Amino acid sequence: MEYRTWITEALRLHFEEHLPRVVAGRRLGVPKSTVCSMFVRFCKAGLSWPLPAGLSERELDARLYGSASTVPVAL
């Protein structure tokens, strides 16, 4: 998974489908602690839903995890 492509889907499930954060993460196969951490970072970054137009997954990842974000890549 390049970048954290699950993030936008977790946000959509939470804000549009009104699923609890943990349920959204479970549906995507993402651990509870990871999802909860992402939502904390989302709030601290001052972001809101819907995301700003034109914000790419790469830019979102950088806003949440820093520009030096390292994402494990499956080989």
PDB file of N, CA and C in Angstrom:
ATOM      1  N   MET A   1       0.854  -1.163   0.000  1.00  0.00           N
ATOM      2  CA  MET A   1       0.000   0.000   0.000  1.00  0.00           C
ATOM      3  C   MET A   1       0.904   1.231   0.000  1.00  0.00           C
ATOM      4  N   GLU A   2       0.920   1.959  -1.080  1.00  0.00           N
ATOM      5  CA  GLU A   2       1.736   3.165  -1.139  1.00  0.00           C
ATOM      6  C   GLU A   2       1.034   4.261  -0.357  1.00  0.00           C
ATOM      7  N   TYR A   3       1.820   4.932   0.453  1.00  0.00           N
ATOM      8  CA  TYR A   3       1.285   5.891   1.413  1.00  0.00           C
ATOM      9  C   TYR A   3       0.267   5.151   2.264  1.00  0.00           C
ATOM     10  N   ARG A   4      -0.574   5.827   2.870  1.00  0.00           N
ATOM     11  CA  ARG A   4      -1.578   5.184   3.718  1.00  0.00           C
ATOM     12  C   ARG A   4      -2.932   5.383   3.033  1.00  0.00           C
ATOM     13  N   THR A   5      -3.156   4.626   1.994  1.00  0.00           N
ATOM     14  CA  THR A   5      -4.346   4.820   1.170  1.00  0.00           C
ATOM     15  C   THR A   5      -5.635   4.542   1.932  1.00  0.00           C
ATOM     16  N   TRP A   6      -5.553   3.868   3.052  1.00  0.00           N
ATOM     17  CA  TRP A   6      -6.734   3.577   3.855  1.00  0.00           C
ATOM     18  C   TRP A   6      -7.254   4.818   4.576  1.00  0.00           C
ATOM     19  N   ILE A   7      -6.416   5.841   4.720  1.00  0.00           N
ATOM     20  CA  ILE A   7      -6.797   7.004   5.517  1.00  0.00           C
ATOM     21  C   ILE A   7      -8.036   7.694   4.958  1.00  0.00           C
ATOM     22  N   THR A   8      -8.034   8.015   3.675  1.00  0.00           N
ATOM     23  CA  THR A   8      -9.188   8.730   3.120  1.00  0.00           C
ATOM     24  C   THR A   8     -10.458   7.883   3.208  1.00  0.00           C
ATOM     25  N   GLU A   9     -10.310   6.574   3.054  1.00  0.00           N
ATOM     26  CA  GLU A   9     -11.492   5.714   3.162  1.00  0.00           C
ATOM     27  C   GLU A   9     -11.974   5.650   4.609  1.00  0.00           C
ATOM     28  N   ALA A  10     -11.075   5.602   5.572  1.00  0.00           N
ATOM     29  CA  ALA A  10     -11.474   5.609   6.983  1.00  0.00           C
ATOM     30  C   ALA A  10     -12.185   6.915   7.330  1.00  0.00           C
ATOM     31  N   LEU A  11     -11.659   8.016   6.829  1.00  0.00           N
ATOM     32  CA  LEU A  11     -12.300   9.313   7.059  1.00  0.00           C
ATOM     33  C   LEU A  11     -13.696   9.346   6.440  1.00  0.00           C
ATOM     34  N   ARG A  12     -13.817   8.851   5.217  1.00  0.00           N
ATOM     35  CA  ARG A  12     -15.111   8.828   4.536  1.00  0.00           C
ATOM     36  C   ARG A  12     -16.120   7.970   5.303  1.00  0.00           C
ATOM     37  N   LEU A  13     -15.684   6.790   5.713  1.00  0.00           N
ATOM     38  CA  LEU A  13     -16.588   5.906   6.453  1.00  0.00           C
ATOM     39  C   LEU A  13     -17.062   6.554   7.751  1.00  0.00           C
ATOM     40  N   HIS A  14     -16.165   7.255   8.399  1.00  0.00           N
ATOM     41  CA  HIS A  14     -16.526   7.894   9.669  1.00  0.00           C
ATOM     42  C   HIS A  14     -17.443   9.104   9.460  1.00  0.00           C
ATOM     43  N   PHE A  15     -17.051   9.996   8.557  1.00  0.00           N
ATOM     44  CA  PHE A  15     -17.794  11.249   8.403  1.00  0.00           C
ATOM     45  C   PHE A  15     -19.032  11.141   7.517  1.00  0.00           C
ATOM     46  N   GLU A  16     -19.000  10.278   6.513  1.00  0.00           N
ATOM     47  CA  GLU A  16     -20.146  10.177   5.603  1.00  0.00           C
ATOM     48  C   GLU A  16     -21.078   9.021   5.937  1.00  0.00           C
ATOM     49  N   GLU A  17     -20.506   7.893   6.339  1.00  0.00           N
ATOM     50  CA  GLU A  17     -21.329   6.724   6.674  1.00  0.00           C
ATOM     51  C   GLU A  17     -21.652   6.680   8.169  1.00  0.00           C
ATOM     52  N   HIS A  18     -21.055   7.611   8.924  1.00  0.00           N
ATOM     53  CA  HIS A  18     -21.294   7.739  10.363  1.00  0.00           C
ATOM     54  C   HIS A  18     -20.919   6.487  11.150  1.00  0.00           C
ATOM     55  N   LEU A  19     -19.890   5.787  10.667  1.00  0.00           N
ATOM     56  CA  LEU A  19     -19.391   4.630  11.404  1.00  0.00           C
ATOM     57  C   LEU A  19     -18.449   5.106  12.505  1.00  0.00           C
ATOM     58  N   PRO A  20     -18.462   4.444  13.654  1.00  0.00           N
ATOM     59  CA  PRO A  20     -17.459   4.765  14.667  1.00  0.00           C
ATOM     60  C   PRO A  20     -16.057   4.538  14.088  1.00  0.00           C
ATOM     61  N   ARG A  21     -15.101   5.287  14.583  1.00  0.00           N
ATOM     62  CA  ARG A  21     -13.733   5.210  14.058  1.00  0.00           C
ATOM     63  C   ARG A  21     -13.190   3.790  14.075  1.00  0.00           C
ATOM     64  N   VAL A  22     -13.391   3.100  15.179  1.00  0.00           N
ATOM     65  CA  VAL A  22     -12.866   1.744  15.318  1.00  0.00           C
ATOM     66  C   VAL A  22     -13.524   0.800  14.316  1.00  0.00           C
ATOM     67  N   VAL A  23     -14.807   0.964  14.088  1.00  0.00           N
ATOM     68  CA  VAL A  23     -15.525   0.117  13.129  1.00  0.00           C
ATOM     69  C   VAL A  23     -15.015   0.386  11.715  1.00  0.00           C
ATOM     70  N   ALA A  24     -14.776   1.644  11.391  1.00  0.00           N
ATOM     71  CA  ALA A  24     -14.226   1.984  10.073  1.00  0.00           C
ATOM     72  C   ALA A  24     -12.871   1.311   9.889  1.00  0.00           C
ATOM     73  N   GLY A  25     -12.034   1.373  10.903  1.00  0.00           N
ATOM     74  CA  GLY A  25     -10.722   0.726  10.833  1.00  0.00           C
ATOM     75  C   GLY A  25     -10.836  -0.776  10.686  1.00  0.00           C
ATOM     76  N   ARG A  26     -11.732  -1.378  11.450  1.00  0.00           N
ATOM     77  CA  ARG A  26     -11.922  -2.828  11.380  1.00  0.00           C
ATOM     78  C   ARG A  26     -12.363  -3.233   9.980  1.00  0.00           C
ATOM     79  N   ARG A  27     -13.254  -2.454   9.388  1.00  0.00           N
ATOM     80  CA  ARG A  27     -13.736  -2.755   8.038  1.00  0.00           C
ATOM     81  C   ARG A  27     -12.587  -2.730   7.028  1.00  0.00           C
ATOM     82  N   LEU A  28     -11.586  -1.881   7.290  1.00  0.00           N
ATOM     83  CA  LEU A  28     -10.447  -1.746   6.381  1.00  0.00           C
ATOM     84  C   LEU A  28      -9.267  -2.623   6.778  1.00  0.00           C
ATOM     85  N   GLY A  29      -9.396  -3.350   7.874  1.00  0.00           N
ATOM     86  CA  GLY A  29      -8.314  -4.217   8.323  1.00  0.00           C
ATOM     87  C   GLY A  29      -7.161  -3.468   8.967  1.00  0.00           C
ATOM     88  N   VAL A  30      -7.462  -2.308   9.553  1.00  0.00           N
ATOM     89  CA  VAL A  30      -6.439  -1.473  10.181  1.00  0.00           C
ATOM     90  C   VAL A  30      -6.606  -1.586  11.697  1.00  0.00           C
ATOM     91  N   PRO A  31      -5.506  -1.807  12.433  1.00  0.00           N
ATOM     92  CA  PRO A  31      -5.608  -1.941  13.884  1.00  0.00           C
ATOM     93  C   PRO A  31      -6.239  -0.721  14.555  1.00  0.00           C
ATOM     94  N   LYS A  32      -6.947  -0.987  15.646  1.00  0.00           N
ATOM     95  CA  LYS A  32      -7.647   0.047  16.409  1.00  0.00           C
ATOM     96  C   LYS A  32      -6.708   1.180  16.808  1.00  0.00           C
ATOM     97  N   SER A  33      -5.533   0.846  17.319  1.00  0.00           N
ATOM     98  CA  SER A  33      -4.593   1.877  17.778  1.00  0.00           C
ATOM     99  C   SER A  33      -4.127   2.758  16.624  1.00  0.00           C
ATOM    100  N   THR A  34      -3.954   2.178  15.453  1.00  0.00           N
ATOM    101  CA  THR A  34      -3.508   2.927  14.279  1.00  0.00           C
ATOM    102  C   THR A  34      -4.581   3.908  13.828  1.00  0.00           C
ATOM    103  N   VAL A  35      -5.816   3.440  13.796  1.00  0.00           N
ATOM    104  CA  VAL A  35      -6.932   4.297  13.379  1.00  0.00           C
ATOM    105  C   VAL A  35      -7.132   5.435  14.376  1.00  0.00           C
ATOM    106  N   CYS A  36      -7.112   5.112  15.658  1.00  0.00           N
ATOM    107  CA  CYS A  36      -7.304   6.150  16.680  1.00  0.00           C
ATOM    108  C   CYS A  36      -6.194   7.188  16.609  1.00  0.00           C
ATOM    109  N   SER A  37      -4.966   6.741  16.411  1.00  0.00           N
ATOM    110  CA  SER A  37      -3.829   7.653  16.277  1.00  0.00           C
ATOM    111  C   SER A  37      -4.003   8.561  15.064  1.00  0.00           C
ATOM    112  N   MET A  38      -4.472   8.001  13.958  1.00  0.00           N
ATOM    113  CA  MET A  38      -4.664   8.796  12.750  1.00  0.00           C
ATOM    114  C   MET A  38      -5.703   9.890  12.985  1.00  0.00           C
ATOM    115  N   PHE A  39      -6.804   9.573  13.676  1.00  0.00           N
ATOM    116  CA  PHE A  39      -7.826  10.584  13.934  1.00  0.00           C
ATOM    117  C   PHE A  39      -7.316  11.676  14.871  1.00  0.00           C
ATOM    118  N   VAL A  40      -6.476  11.325  15.828  1.00  0.00           N
ATOM    119  CA  VAL A  40      -5.857  12.338  16.694  1.00  0.00           C
ATOM    120  C   VAL A  40      -4.983  13.253  15.849  1.00  0.00           C
ATOM    121  N   ARG A  41      -4.170  12.672  14.978  1.00  0.00           N
ATOM    122  CA  ARG A  41      -3.301  13.460  14.095  1.00  0.00           C
ATOM    123  C   ARG A  41      -4.133  14.345  13.167  1.00  0.00           C
ATOM    124  N   PHE A  42      -5.246  13.810  12.672  1.00  0.00           N
ATOM    125  CA  PHE A  42      -6.145  14.551  11.787  1.00  0.00           C
ATOM    126  C   PHE A  42      -6.645  15.816  12.481  1.00  0.00           C
ATOM    127  N   CYS A  43      -7.074  15.678  13.720  1.00  0.00           N
ATOM    128  CA  CYS A  43      -7.563  16.840  14.484  1.00  0.00           C
ATOM    129  C   CYS A  43      -6.437  17.826  14.771  1.00  0.00           C
ATOM    130  N   LYS A  44      -5.286  17.315  15.187  1.00  0.00           N
ATOM    131  CA  LYS A  44      -4.149  18.186  15.504  1.00  0.00           C
ATOM    132  C   LYS A  44      -3.637  18.931  14.276  1.00  0.00           C
ATOM    133  N   ALA A  45      -3.799  18.333  13.098  1.00  0.00           N
ATOM    134  CA  ALA A  45      -3.347  18.966  11.858  1.00  0.00           C
ATOM    135  C   ALA A  45      -4.303  20.071  11.415  1.00  0.00           C
ATOM    136  N   GLY A  46      -5.439  20.192  12.098  1.00  0.00           N
ATOM    137  CA  GLY A  46      -6.403  21.231  11.750  1.00  0.00           C
ATOM    138  C   GLY A  46      -7.172  20.936  10.476  1.00  0.00           C
ATOM    139  N   LEU A  47      -7.230  19.672  10.100  1.00  0.00           N
ATOM    140  CA  LEU A  47      -7.952  19.289   8.887  1.00  0.00           C
ATOM    141  C   LEU A  47      -9.427  19.101   9.192  1.00  0.00           C
ATOM    142  N   SER A  48     -10.230  19.151   8.165  1.00  0.00           N
ATOM    143  CA  SER A  48     -11.661  18.911   8.323  1.00  0.00           C
ATOM    144  C   SER A  48     -12.150  18.104   7.129  1.00  0.00           C
ATOM    145  N   TRP A  49     -13.344  17.560   7.289  1.00  0.00           N
ATOM    146  CA  TRP A  49     -13.969  16.784   6.216  1.00  0.00           C
ATOM    147  C   TRP A  49     -15.106  17.592   5.639  1.00  0.00           C
ATOM    148  N   PRO A  50     -15.226  17.661   4.343  1.00  0.00           N
ATOM    149  CA  PRO A  50     -14.376  16.991   3.358  1.00  0.00           C
ATOM    150  C   PRO A  50     -12.994  17.631   3.289  1.00  0.00           C
ATOM    151  N   LEU A  51     -12.048  16.833   2.822  1.00  0.00           N
ATOM    152  CA  LEU A  51     -10.675  17.317   2.701  1.00  0.00           C
ATOM    153  C   LEU A  51     -10.612  18.441   1.669  1.00  0.00           C
ATOM    154  N   PRO A  52      -9.622  19.314   1.795  1.00  0.00           N
ATOM    155  CA  PRO A  52      -9.473  20.393   0.809  1.00  0.00           C
ATOM    156  C   PRO A  52      -9.339  19.827  -0.612  1.00  0.00           C
ATOM    157  N   ALA A  53      -9.955  20.490  -1.561  1.00  0.00           N
ATOM    158  CA  ALA A  53      -9.879  20.058  -2.963  1.00  0.00           C
ATOM    159  C   ALA A  53      -8.423  20.017  -3.403  1.00  0.00           C
ATOM    160  N   GLY A  54      -8.071  18.965  -4.099  1.00  0.00           N
ATOM    161  CA  GLY A  54      -6.727  18.849  -4.648  1.00  0.00           C
ATOM    162  C   GLY A  54      -5.692  18.295  -3.687  1.00  0.00           C
ATOM    163  N   LEU A  55      -6.074  17.984  -2.451  1.00  0.00           N
ATOM    164  CA  LEU A  55      -5.127  17.419  -1.489  1.00  0.00           C
ATOM    165  C   LEU A  55      -4.899  15.952  -1.838  1.00  0.00           C
ATOM    166  N   SER A  56      -3.683  15.622  -2.233  1.00  0.00           N
ATOM    167  CA  SER A  56      -3.372  14.246  -2.634  1.00  0.00           C
ATOM    168  C   SER A  56      -3.148  13.371  -1.404  1.00  0.00           C
ATOM    169  N   GLU A  57      -3.154  12.055  -1.614  1.00  0.00           N
ATOM    170  CA  GLU A  57      -2.874  11.135  -0.512  1.00  0.00           C
ATOM    171  C   GLU A  57      -1.472  11.376   0.035  1.00  0.00           C
ATOM    172  N   ARG A  58      -0.541  11.686  -0.836  1.00  0.00           N
ATOM    173  CA  ARG A  58       0.837  11.968  -0.418  1.00  0.00           C
ATOM    174  C   ARG A  58       0.874  13.214   0.482  1.00  0.00           C
ATOM    175  N   GLU A  59       0.160  14.263   0.089  1.00  0.00           N
ATOM    176  CA  GLU A  59       0.123  15.494   0.886  1.00  0.00           C
ATOM    177  C   GLU A  59      -0.593  15.266   2.218  1.00  0.00           C
ATOM    178  N   LEU A  60      -1.671  14.504   2.188  1.00  0.00           N
ATOM    179  CA  LEU A  60      -2.389  14.183   3.417  1.00  0.00           C
ATOM    180  C   LEU A  60      -1.479  13.410   4.362  1.00  0.00           C
ATOM    181  N   ASP A  61      -0.773  12.435   3.834  1.00  0.00           N
ATOM    182  CA  ASP A  61       0.163  11.645   4.628  1.00  0.00           C
ATOM    183  C   ASP A  61       1.209  12.549   5.278  1.00  0.00           C
ATOM    184  N   ALA A  62       1.736  13.493   4.512  1.00  0.00           N
ATOM    185  CA  ALA A  62       2.749  14.420   5.034  1.00  0.00           C
ATOM    186  C   ALA A  62       2.161  15.320   6.119  1.00  0.00           C
ATOM    187  N   ARG A  63       0.924  15.765   5.941  1.00  0.00           N
ATOM    188  CA  ARG A  63       0.286  16.630   6.953  1.00  0.00           C
ATOM    189  C   ARG A  63       0.057  15.870   8.259  1.00  0.00           C
ATOM    190  N   LEU A  64      -0.256  14.588   8.141  1.00  0.00           N
ATOM    191  CA  LEU A  64      -0.540  13.794   9.332  1.00  0.00           C
ATOM    192  C   LEU A  64       0.709  13.228   9.993  1.00  0.00           C
ATOM    193  N   TYR A  65       1.672  12.819   9.179  1.00  0.00           N
ATOM    194  CA  TYR A  65       2.822  12.091   9.710  1.00  0.00           C
ATOM    195  C   TYR A  65       4.153  12.789   9.483  1.00  0.00           C
ATOM    196  N   GLY A  66       4.132  13.993   8.930  1.00  0.00           N
ATOM    197  CA  GLY A  66       5.365  14.732   8.691  1.00  0.00           C
ATOM    198  C   GLY A  66       5.903  14.490   7.297  1.00  0.00           C
ATOM    199  N   SER A  67       6.661  15.443   6.810  1.00  0.00           N
ATOM    200  CA  SER A  67       7.165  15.348   5.436  1.00  0.00           C
ATOM    201  C   SER A  67       8.188  14.242   5.268  1.00  0.00           C
ATOM    202  N   ALA A  68       8.797  13.803   6.358  1.00  0.00           N
ATOM    203  CA  ALA A  68       9.781  12.720   6.278  1.00  0.00           C
ATOM    204  C   ALA A  68       9.119  11.380   6.573  1.00  0.00           C
ATOM    205  N   SER A  69       7.838  11.290   6.290  1.00  0.00           N
ATOM    206  CA  SER A  69       7.083  10.074   6.559  1.00  0.00           C
ATOM    207  C   SER A  69       7.684   8.893   5.827  1.00  0.00           C
ATOM    208  N   THR A  70       7.821   7.808   6.551  1.00  0.00           N
ATOM    209  CA  THR A  70       8.300   6.582   5.923  1.00  0.00           C
ATOM    210  C   THR A  70       7.180   5.570   5.980  1.00  0.00           C
ATOM    211  N   VAL A  71       6.849   5.058   4.856  1.00  0.00           N
ATOM    212  CA  VAL A  71       5.774   4.093   4.760  1.00  0.00           C
ATOM    213  C   VAL A  71       6.371   2.776   4.327  1.00  0.00           C
ATOM    214  N   PRO A  72       6.136   1.717   5.089  1.00  0.00           N
ATOM    215  CA  PRO A  72       6.675   0.427   4.683  1.00  0.00           C
ATOM    216  C   PRO A  72       6.076  -0.006   3.350  1.00  0.00           C
ATOM    217  N   VAL A  73       6.909  -0.525   2.515  1.00  0.00           N
ATOM    218  CA  VAL A  73       6.474  -0.989   1.204  1.00  0.00           C
ATOM    219  C   VAL A  73       6.691  -2.487   1.140  1.00  0.00           C
ATOM    220  N   ALA A  74       5.652  -3.228   0.808  1.00  0.00           N
ATOM    221  CA  ALA A  74       5.770  -4.675   0.672  1.00  0.00           C
ATOM    222  C   ALA A  74       6.535  -4.998  -0.598  1.00  0.00           C
ATOM    223  N   LEU A  75       7.484  -5.882  -0.466  1.00  0.00           N
ATOM    224  CA  LEU A  75       8.268  -6.291  -1.643  1.00  0.00           C
ATOM    225  C   LEU A  75       7.744  -7.574  -2.200  1.00  0.00           C
TER     226      LEU A  75
END
